[in-house]
């Protein structure tokens, strides 16, 4: 078993081989989008079938290491791409996950207001070829075994719980832009408090600059993070060290 509360630099498929079967309580992650984003050493633009085949490999590993009756929050775009080369990644990944054995519970949407303003309309004022913008990211909630977990937890206040269960998550974007595609820390915290318990083990296999790790530390969860790009591992480790320093001063 890997040491807990640590970021591991490397290929997620190789690192996850070191995680035992049924040892993780919650998975929270947002994979590369396959849109040509500069993540560093990872090539974020491959043939779409190759992309989904790669996703199938890490989804199979996730199913192996997730405990029974535990949850998985997969964050991705509902629809993306340009013109006629558009694709619906979250729907496709949900289908792959279900074939592996995951069960689908629900879909929440988060409006990413960091997206650029719409400038492409396709055929202006015409039904010839309009461009349908999709400015939302989705959070696909999956699980293994049974949805209900034993034991009670009430870490969310009334407003947080009602928003979470509404499926429309109104959360401000991440201000820390040391990664090209960060999701907000409050988004990670909402998922963690909604779908897990204190002292649970949370895995993020594409942890980037460490947002999920910080959210786990703030909510008393253990974590394992995996990141391919060394630059982001350094940033994540510095954020973790800074957070621990702040705690020591309290």
C-alpha atoms as a PDB file:
ATOM      1  CA  UNK A   1       0.000   0.000   0.000  1.00  0.00           C
ATOM      2  CA  UNK A   2       1.227   3.493  -0.805  1.00  0.00           C
ATOM      3  CA  UNK A   3       1.940   5.924   2.015  1.00  0.00           C
ATOM      4  CA  UNK A   4      -1.093   8.058   2.737  1.00  0.00           C
ATOM      5  CA  UNK A   5      -1.323  11.841   2.460  1.00  0.00           C
ATOM      6  CA  UNK A   6       1.293  12.043  -0.240  1.00  0.00           C
ATOM      7  CA  UNK A   7       1.490  13.102  -3.903  1.00  0.00           C
ATOM      8  CA  UNK A   8       3.091  10.517  -6.200  1.00  0.00           C
ATOM      9  CA  UNK A   9       4.741  11.638  -9.420  1.00  0.00           C
ATOM     10  CA  UNK A  10       4.243   9.216 -12.278  1.00  0.00           C
ATOM     11  CA  UNK A  11       1.867   7.505 -14.696  1.00  0.00           C
ATOM     12  CA  UNK A  12      -1.407   6.834 -12.883  1.00  0.00           C
ATOM     13  CA  UNK A  13      -1.724   3.370 -14.449  1.00  0.00           C
ATOM     14  CA  UNK A  14       1.635   2.349 -13.002  1.00  0.00           C
ATOM     15  CA  UNK A  15       1.204   4.012  -9.608  1.00  0.00           C
ATOM     16  CA  UNK A  16      -2.272   2.562  -9.045  1.00  0.00           C
ATOM     17  CA  UNK A  17      -0.833  -0.959  -9.405  1.00  0.00           C
ATOM     18  CA  UNK A  18       0.624  -0.375  -5.938  1.00  0.00           C
ATOM     19  CA  UNK A  19      -2.812   0.266  -4.397  1.00  0.00           C
ATOM     20  CA  UNK A  20      -4.512  -2.875  -3.023  1.00  0.00           C
ATOM     21  CA  UNK A  21      -7.943  -4.075  -4.106  1.00  0.00           C
ATOM     22  CA  UNK A  22     -10.897  -2.434  -2.334  1.00  0.00           C
ATOM     23  CA  UNK A  23      -8.829   0.032  -0.299  1.00  0.00           C
ATOM     24  CA  UNK A  24     -10.145   3.461  -1.393  1.00  0.00           C
ATOM     25  CA  UNK A  25     -13.327   5.063   0.001  1.00  0.00           C
ATOM     26  CA  UNK A  26     -13.837   7.857  -2.528  1.00  0.00           C
ATOM     27  CA  UNK A  27     -12.412   8.831  -5.913  1.00  0.00           C
ATOM     28  CA  UNK A  28     -12.523  12.477  -6.984  1.00  0.00           C
ATOM     29  CA  UNK A  29     -10.808  13.368 -10.233  1.00  0.00           C
ATOM     30  CA  UNK A  30     -10.897  15.315 -13.471  1.00  0.00           C
ATOM     31  CA  UNK A  31      -8.908  13.671 -16.280  1.00  0.00           C
ATOM     32  CA  UNK A  32      -7.180  15.486 -19.147  1.00  0.00           C
ATOM     33  CA  UNK A  33      -9.810  16.806 -21.541  1.00  0.00           C
ATOM     34  CA  UNK A  34      -8.174  15.773 -24.838  1.00  0.00           C
ATOM     35  CA  UNK A  35      -8.567  19.331 -26.118  1.00  0.00           C
ATOM     36  CA  UNK A  36      -4.918  20.209 -26.642  1.00  0.00           C
ATOM     37  CA  UNK A  37      -4.419  21.865 -23.239  1.00  0.00           C
ATOM     38  CA  UNK A  38      -0.777  22.322 -22.272  1.00  0.00           C
ATOM     39  CA  UNK A  39      -0.461  20.115 -19.198  1.00  0.00           C
ATOM     40  CA  UNK A  40       3.306  19.761 -19.604  1.00  0.00           C
ATOM     41  CA  UNK A  41       4.671  16.317 -20.424  1.00  0.00           C
ATOM     42  CA  UNK A  42       1.252  14.814 -21.226  1.00  0.00           C
ATOM     43  CA  UNK A  43       0.052  15.040 -24.834  1.00  0.00           C
ATOM     44  CA  UNK A  44      -3.539  16.250 -24.517  1.00  0.00           C
ATOM     45  CA  UNK A  45      -4.658  15.635 -28.071  1.00  0.00           C
ATOM     46  CA  UNK A  46      -4.888  12.061 -29.304  1.00  0.00           C
ATOM     47  CA  UNK A  47      -7.323  10.221 -31.561  1.00  0.00           C
ATOM     48  CA  UNK A  48     -10.663  10.012 -29.774  1.00  0.00           C
ATOM     49  CA  UNK A  49     -10.878   6.209 -29.722  1.00  0.00           C
ATOM     50  CA  UNK A  50      -7.352   6.054 -28.340  1.00  0.00           C
ATOM     51  CA  UNK A  51      -8.405   8.539 -25.649  1.00  0.00           C
ATOM     52  CA  UNK A  52     -11.397   6.443 -24.600  1.00  0.00           C
ATOM     53  CA  UNK A  53      -9.323   3.232 -24.631  1.00  0.00           C
ATOM     54  CA  UNK A  54      -6.840   4.928 -22.288  1.00  0.00           C
ATOM     55  CA  UNK A  55      -9.704   6.087 -20.061  1.00  0.00           C
ATOM     56  CA  UNK A  56     -11.037   2.520 -19.952  1.00  0.00           C
ATOM     57  CA  UNK A  57      -7.687   1.348 -18.562  1.00  0.00           C
ATOM     58  CA  UNK A  58      -7.705   3.697 -15.576  1.00  0.00           C
ATOM     59  CA  UNK A  59     -11.436   3.218 -14.996  1.00  0.00           C
ATOM     60  CA  UNK A  60     -10.796  -0.528 -14.659  1.00  0.00           C
ATOM     61  CA  UNK A  61      -8.079   0.162 -12.087  1.00  0.00           C
ATOM     62  CA  UNK A  62     -10.397   2.478 -10.180  1.00  0.00           C
ATOM     63  CA  UNK A  63     -13.079  -0.197 -10.012  1.00  0.00           C
ATOM     64  CA  UNK A  64     -10.523  -2.644  -8.622  1.00  0.00           C
ATOM     65  CA  UNK A  65      -9.283  -0.381  -5.830  1.00  0.00           C
ATOM     66  CA  UNK A  66     -12.609   1.199  -4.795  1.00  0.00           C
ATOM     67  CA  UNK A  67     -14.262  -0.406  -1.782  1.00  0.00           C
ATOM     68  CA  UNK A  68     -17.718  -1.923  -2.066  1.00  0.00           C
ATOM     69  CA  UNK A  69     -20.550   0.539  -1.385  1.00  0.00           C
ATOM     70  CA  UNK A  70     -18.271   3.523  -2.056  1.00  0.00           C
ATOM     71  CA  UNK A  71     -18.417   6.396  -4.515  1.00  0.00           C
ATOM     72  CA  UNK A  72     -16.632   7.964  -7.481  1.00  0.00           C
ATOM     73  CA  UNK A  73     -17.031  11.576  -8.689  1.00  0.00           C
ATOM     74  CA  UNK A  74     -15.817  12.031 -12.270  1.00  0.00           C
ATOM     75  CA  UNK A  75     -15.525  15.634 -13.464  1.00  0.00           C
ATOM     76  CA  UNK A  76     -15.456  16.375 -17.200  1.00  0.00           C
ATOM     77  CA  UNK A  77     -17.161  18.468 -19.860  1.00  0.00           C
ATOM     78  CA  UNK A  78     -20.647  17.519 -20.961  1.00  0.00           C
ATOM     79  CA  UNK A  79     -19.866  18.584 -24.520  1.00  0.00           C
ATOM     80  CA  UNK A  80     -16.736  20.042 -26.073  1.00  0.00           C
ATOM     81  CA  UNK A  81     -14.751  20.376 -29.275  1.00  0.00           C
ATOM     82  CA  UNK A  82     -15.114  22.525 -32.342  1.00  0.00           C
ATOM     83  CA  UNK A  83     -17.599  22.577 -35.180  1.00  0.00           C
ATOM     84  CA  UNK A  84     -18.244  19.051 -36.477  1.00  0.00           C
ATOM     85  CA  UNK A  85     -15.508  17.497 -34.323  1.00  0.00           C
ATOM     86  CA  UNK A  86     -17.432  17.751 -31.075  1.00  0.00           C
ATOM     87  CA  UNK A  87     -17.798  14.983 -28.532  1.00  0.00           C
ATOM     88  CA  UNK A  88     -19.634  14.301 -25.256  1.00  0.00           C
ATOM     89  CA  UNK A  89     -16.894  12.929 -22.985  1.00  0.00           C
ATOM     90  CA  UNK A  90     -18.791  12.548 -19.728  1.00  0.00           C
ATOM     91  CA  UNK A  91     -21.589  10.556 -21.337  1.00  0.00           C
ATOM     92  CA  UNK A  92     -19.100   8.295 -23.102  1.00  0.00           C
ATOM     93  CA  UNK A  93     -17.047   7.770 -19.947  1.00  0.00           C
ATOM     94  CA  UNK A  94     -20.196   6.944 -17.988  1.00  0.00           C
ATOM     95  CA  UNK A  95     -21.033   4.224 -20.531  1.00  0.00           C
ATOM     96  CA  UNK A  96     -17.519   2.783 -20.270  1.00  0.00           C
ATOM     97  CA  UNK A  97     -17.661   2.877 -16.468  1.00  0.00           C
ATOM     98  CA  UNK A  98     -21.024   1.087 -16.375  1.00  0.00           C
ATOM     99  CA  UNK A  99     -19.703  -1.682 -18.630  1.00  0.00           C
ATOM    100  CA  UNK A 100     -16.827  -2.154 -16.183  1.00  0.00           C
ATOM    101  CA  UNK A 101     -19.242  -2.517 -13.261  1.00  0.00           C
ATOM    102  CA  UNK A 102     -19.792   0.961 -11.833  1.00  0.00           C
ATOM    103  CA  UNK A 103     -23.379   2.039 -11.245  1.00  0.00           C
ATOM    104  CA  UNK A 104     -24.668   5.495 -12.128  1.00  0.00           C
ATOM    105  CA  UNK A 105     -26.329   7.504  -9.364  1.00  0.00           C
ATOM    106  CA  UNK A 106     -26.700  11.003 -10.750  1.00  0.00           C
ATOM    107  CA  UNK A 107     -25.242  13.951 -12.599  1.00  0.00           C
ATOM    108  CA  UNK A 108     -24.557  17.387 -11.145  1.00  0.00           C
ATOM    109  CA  UNK A 109     -23.545  20.364 -13.246  1.00  0.00           C
ATOM    110  CA  UNK A 110     -21.154  23.139 -12.358  1.00  0.00           C
ATOM    111  CA  UNK A 111     -21.139  26.342 -14.364  1.00  0.00           C
ATOM    112  CA  UNK A 112     -17.515  27.195 -15.133  1.00  0.00           C
ATOM    113  CA  UNK A 113     -17.537  30.974 -15.496  1.00  0.00           C
ATOM    114  CA  UNK A 114     -13.815  30.937 -16.295  1.00  0.00           C
ATOM    115  CA  UNK A 115     -14.712  29.795 -19.803  1.00  0.00           C
ATOM    116  CA  UNK A 116     -14.177  32.357 -22.527  1.00  0.00           C
ATOM    117  CA  UNK A 117     -17.196  34.284 -23.705  1.00  0.00           C
ATOM    118  CA  UNK A 118     -19.050  32.840 -26.656  1.00  0.00           C
ATOM    119  CA  UNK A 119     -17.713  34.300 -29.886  1.00  0.00           C
ATOM    120  CA  UNK A 120     -18.591  31.487 -32.295  1.00  0.00           C
ATOM    121  CA  UNK A 121     -22.226  31.300 -33.343  1.00  0.00           C
ATOM    122  CA  UNK A 122     -21.893  29.051 -36.381  1.00  0.00           C
ATOM    123  CA  UNK A 123     -24.448  30.130 -38.949  1.00  0.00           C
ATOM    124  CA  UNK A 124     -25.523  33.516 -37.560  1.00  0.00           C
ATOM    125  CA  UNK A 125     -29.324  33.774 -37.191  1.00  0.00           C
ATOM    126  CA  UNK A 126     -29.685  30.706 -39.392  1.00  0.00           C
ATOM    127  CA  UNK A 127     -30.640  27.072 -38.849  1.00  0.00           C
ATOM    128  CA  UNK A 128     -27.992  26.042 -41.378  1.00  0.00           C
ATOM    129  CA  UNK A 129     -25.248  25.173 -38.856  1.00  0.00           C
ATOM    130  CA  UNK A 130     -25.675  26.907 -35.481  1.00  0.00           C
ATOM    131  CA  UNK A 131     -23.024  26.323 -32.826  1.00  0.00           C
ATOM    132  CA  UNK A 132     -24.615  25.132 -29.568  1.00  0.00           C
ATOM    133  CA  UNK A 133     -22.419  26.310 -26.715  1.00  0.00           C
ATOM    134  CA  UNK A 134     -22.080  24.089 -23.620  1.00  0.00           C
ATOM    135  CA  UNK A 135     -20.456  26.096 -20.802  1.00  0.00           C
ATOM    136  CA  UNK A 136     -21.010  23.450 -18.125  1.00  0.00           C
ATOM    137  CA  UNK A 137     -18.816  20.847 -16.532  1.00  0.00           C
ATOM    138  CA  UNK A 138     -20.513  17.770 -15.195  1.00  0.00           C
ATOM    139  CA  UNK A 139     -19.890  15.725 -12.083  1.00  0.00           C
ATOM    140  CA  UNK A 140     -20.840  12.139 -12.829  1.00  0.00           C
ATOM    141  CA  UNK A 141     -21.616  10.373  -9.538  1.00  0.00           C
ATOM    142  CA  UNK A 142     -20.898   6.657  -9.765  1.00  0.00           C
ATOM    143  CA  UNK A 143     -20.651   3.938  -7.148  1.00  0.00           C
ATOM    144  CA  UNK A 144     -19.704   0.309  -6.600  1.00  0.00           C
ATOM    145  CA  UNK A 145     -22.045  -2.164  -4.909  1.00  0.00           C
ATOM    146  CA  UNK A 146     -24.827  -0.413  -3.005  1.00  0.00           C
ATOM    147  CA  UNK A 147     -25.439   3.340  -2.924  1.00  0.00           C
ATOM    148  CA  UNK A 148     -26.265   3.503   0.791  1.00  0.00           C
ATOM    149  CA  UNK A 149     -23.366   3.454   3.232  1.00  0.00           C
ATOM    150  CA  UNK A 150     -23.644   2.437   6.874  1.00  0.00           C
ATOM    151  CA  UNK A 151     -23.204   5.132   9.491  1.00  0.00           C
ATOM    152  CA  UNK A 152     -24.342   8.736   9.529  1.00  0.00           C
ATOM    153  CA  UNK A 153     -22.501  11.954   8.794  1.00  0.00           C
ATOM    154  CA  UNK A 154     -23.833  15.515   8.816  1.00  0.00           C
ATOM    155  CA  UNK A 155     -20.961  17.736   7.753  1.00  0.00           C
ATOM    156  CA  UNK A 156     -22.959  19.778   5.246  1.00  0.00           C
ATOM    157  CA  UNK A 157     -25.135  22.622   6.410  1.00  0.00           C
ATOM    158  CA  UNK A 158     -28.699  22.953   5.149  1.00  0.00           C
ATOM    159  CA  UNK A 159     -27.831  25.274   2.250  1.00  0.00           C
ATOM    160  CA  UNK A 160     -24.894  23.138   1.072  1.00  0.00           C
ATOM    161  CA  UNK A 161     -26.936  19.943   1.230  1.00  0.00           C
ATOM    162  CA  UNK A 162     -29.883  21.401  -0.663  1.00  0.00           C
ATOM    163  CA  UNK A 163     -27.613  22.803  -3.383  1.00  0.00           C
ATOM    164  CA  UNK A 164     -25.709  19.527  -3.687  1.00  0.00           C
ATOM    165  CA  UNK A 165     -28.864  17.475  -4.044  1.00  0.00           C
ATOM    166  CA  UNK A 166     -30.395  19.954  -6.497  1.00  0.00           C
ATOM    167  CA  UNK A 167     -27.738  18.939  -9.028  1.00  0.00           C
ATOM    168  CA  UNK A 168     -26.914  22.551  -9.904  1.00  0.00           C
ATOM    169  CA  UNK A 169     -23.729  23.564  -8.113  1.00  0.00           C
ATOM    170  CA  UNK A 170     -23.193  27.295  -7.886  1.00  0.00           C
ATOM    171  CA  UNK A 171     -19.547  27.505  -6.877  1.00  0.00           C
ATOM    172  CA  UNK A 172     -17.100  30.276  -7.659  1.00  0.00           C
ATOM    173  CA  UNK A 173     -14.201  29.314  -9.955  1.00  0.00           C
ATOM    174  CA  UNK A 174     -10.716  28.613  -8.648  1.00  0.00           C
ATOM    175  CA  UNK A 175      -8.677  31.800  -8.243  1.00  0.00           C
ATOM    176  CA  UNK A 176      -5.382  29.922  -8.014  1.00  0.00           C
ATOM    177  CA  UNK A 177      -4.339  29.627 -11.661  1.00  0.00           C
ATOM    178  CA  UNK A 178      -1.084  27.701 -11.303  1.00  0.00           C
ATOM    179  CA  UNK A 179      -2.632  24.906 -13.384  1.00  0.00           C
ATOM    180  CA  UNK A 180      -4.308  25.286 -16.823  1.00  0.00           C
ATOM    181  CA  UNK A 181      -7.540  23.542 -15.803  1.00  0.00           C
ATOM    182  CA  UNK A 182      -8.128  23.739 -12.027  1.00  0.00           C
ATOM    183  CA  UNK A 183     -11.452  23.014 -10.417  1.00  0.00           C
ATOM    184  CA  UNK A 184     -12.406  25.001  -7.305  1.00  0.00           C
ATOM    185  CA  UNK A 185     -11.396  23.778  -3.861  1.00  0.00           C
ATOM    186  CA  UNK A 186     -14.987  24.329  -2.729  1.00  0.00           C
ATOM    187  CA  UNK A 187     -16.145  21.932  -5.447  1.00  0.00           C
ATOM    188  CA  UNK A 188     -13.809  19.235  -4.119  1.00  0.00           C
ATOM    189  CA  UNK A 189     -14.892  19.915  -0.525  1.00  0.00           C
ATOM    190  CA  UNK A 190     -18.573  19.639  -1.435  1.00  0.00           C
ATOM    191  CA  UNK A 191     -18.016  16.281  -3.136  1.00  0.00           C
ATOM    192  CA  UNK A 192     -15.890  14.993  -0.265  1.00  0.00           C
ATOM    193  CA  UNK A 193     -18.353  15.985   2.470  1.00  0.00           C
ATOM    194  CA  UNK A 194     -21.359  14.759   0.472  1.00  0.00           C
ATOM    195  CA  UNK A 195     -19.963  11.362  -0.520  1.00  0.00           C
ATOM    196  CA  UNK A 196     -17.566  10.272   2.236  1.00  0.00           C
ATOM    197  CA  UNK A 197     -16.833  10.308   5.979  1.00  0.00           C
ATOM    198  CA  UNK A 198     -14.039  11.659   8.133  1.00  0.00           C
ATOM    199  CA  UNK A 199     -10.850   9.567   8.026  1.00  0.00           C
ATOM    200  CA  UNK A 200     -11.864   8.014   4.696  1.00  0.00           C
ATOM    201  CA  UNK A 201      -9.224   7.589   2.001  1.00  0.00           C
ATOM    202  CA  UNK A 202      -9.720   9.773  -1.082  1.00  0.00           C
ATOM    203  CA  UNK A 203      -7.866   9.187  -4.350  1.00  0.00           C
ATOM    204  CA  UNK A 204      -7.270  11.738  -7.100  1.00  0.00           C
ATOM    205  CA  UNK A 205      -5.299  10.166  -9.931  1.00  0.00           C
ATOM    206  CA  UNK A 206      -5.001  13.441 -11.865  1.00  0.00           C
ATOM    207  CA  UNK A 207      -4.392  15.713  -8.893  1.00  0.00           C
ATOM    208  CA  UNK A 208      -2.672  18.536 -10.770  1.00  0.00           C
ATOM    209  CA  UNK A 209      -1.678  21.320  -8.388  1.00  0.00           C
ATOM    210  CA  UNK A 210      -3.109  19.532  -5.343  1.00  0.00           C
ATOM    211  CA  UNK A 211      -6.605  20.979  -4.879  1.00  0.00           C
ATOM    212  CA  UNK A 212      -8.129  17.658  -3.803  1.00  0.00           C
ATOM    213  CA  UNK A 213      -5.329  17.133  -1.277  1.00  0.00           C
ATOM    214  CA  UNK A 214      -5.983  20.510   0.357  1.00  0.00           C
ATOM    215  CA  UNK A 215      -9.730  19.814   0.413  1.00  0.00           C
ATOM    216  CA  UNK A 216      -9.056  16.481   2.138  1.00  0.00           C
ATOM    217  CA  UNK A 217      -6.852  18.119   4.749  1.00  0.00           C
ATOM    218  CA  UNK A 218      -9.538  20.703   5.462  1.00  0.00           C
ATOM    219  CA  UNK A 219     -12.189  17.996   5.907  1.00  0.00           C
ATOM    220  CA  UNK A 220     -10.137  15.454   7.895  1.00  0.00           C
ATOM    221  CA  UNK A 221      -9.752  12.867   5.146  1.00  0.00           C
ATOM    222  CA  UNK A 222      -6.690  10.944   4.065  1.00  0.00           C
ATOM    223  CA  UNK A 223      -5.595  11.222   0.459  1.00  0.00           C
ATOM    224  CA  UNK A 224      -3.428   9.751  -2.242  1.00  0.00           C
ATOM    225  CA  UNK A 225      -2.637  11.979  -5.201  1.00  0.00           C
ATOM    226  CA  UNK A 226      -1.063  11.035  -8.507  1.00  0.00           C
ATOM    227  CA  UNK A 227       0.323  13.496 -11.050  1.00  0.00           C
ATOM    228  CA  UNK A 228       2.448  12.951 -14.157  1.00  0.00           C
ATOM    229  CA  UNK A 229       3.893  16.471 -14.547  1.00  0.00           C
ATOM    230  CA  UNK A 230       6.745  17.125 -12.030  1.00  0.00           C
ATOM    231  CA  UNK A 231       6.076  20.872 -12.048  1.00  0.00           C
ATOM    232  CA  UNK A 232       2.569  20.384 -10.664  1.00  0.00           C
ATOM    233  CA  UNK A 233       3.802  17.877  -8.077  1.00  0.00           C
ATOM    234  CA  UNK A 234       6.150  20.573  -6.769  1.00  0.00           C
ATOM    235  CA  UNK A 235       3.314  23.110  -6.676  1.00  0.00           C
ATOM    236  CA  UNK A 236       1.030  20.639  -4.879  1.00  0.00           C
ATOM    237  CA  UNK A 237       3.680  19.785  -2.299  1.00  0.00           C
ATOM    238  CA  UNK A 238       4.287  23.472  -1.620  1.00  0.00           C
ATOM    239  CA  UNK A 239       0.560  24.064  -1.130  1.00  0.00           C
ATOM    240  CA  UNK A 240       0.419  21.153   1.303  1.00  0.00           C
ATOM    241  CA  UNK A 241       3.449  22.446   3.218  1.00  0.00           C
ATOM    242  CA  UNK A 242       1.971  25.945   3.367  1.00  0.00           C
ATOM    243  CA  UNK A 243      -1.335  24.573   4.666  1.00  0.00           C
ATOM    244  CA  UNK A 244       0.442  22.590   7.402  1.00  0.00           C
ATOM    245  CA  UNK A 245       2.399  25.701   8.335  1.00  0.00           C
ATOM    246  CA  UNK A 246      -0.828  27.668   8.684  1.00  0.00           C
ATOM    247  CA  UNK A 247      -2.258  24.972  10.939  1.00  0.00           C
ATOM    248  CA  UNK A 248       0.806  25.086  13.166  1.00  0.00           C
ATOM    249  CA  UNK A 249       0.282  28.806  13.695  1.00  0.00           C
ATOM    250  CA  UNK A 250      -3.329  28.431  14.832  1.00  0.00           C
END
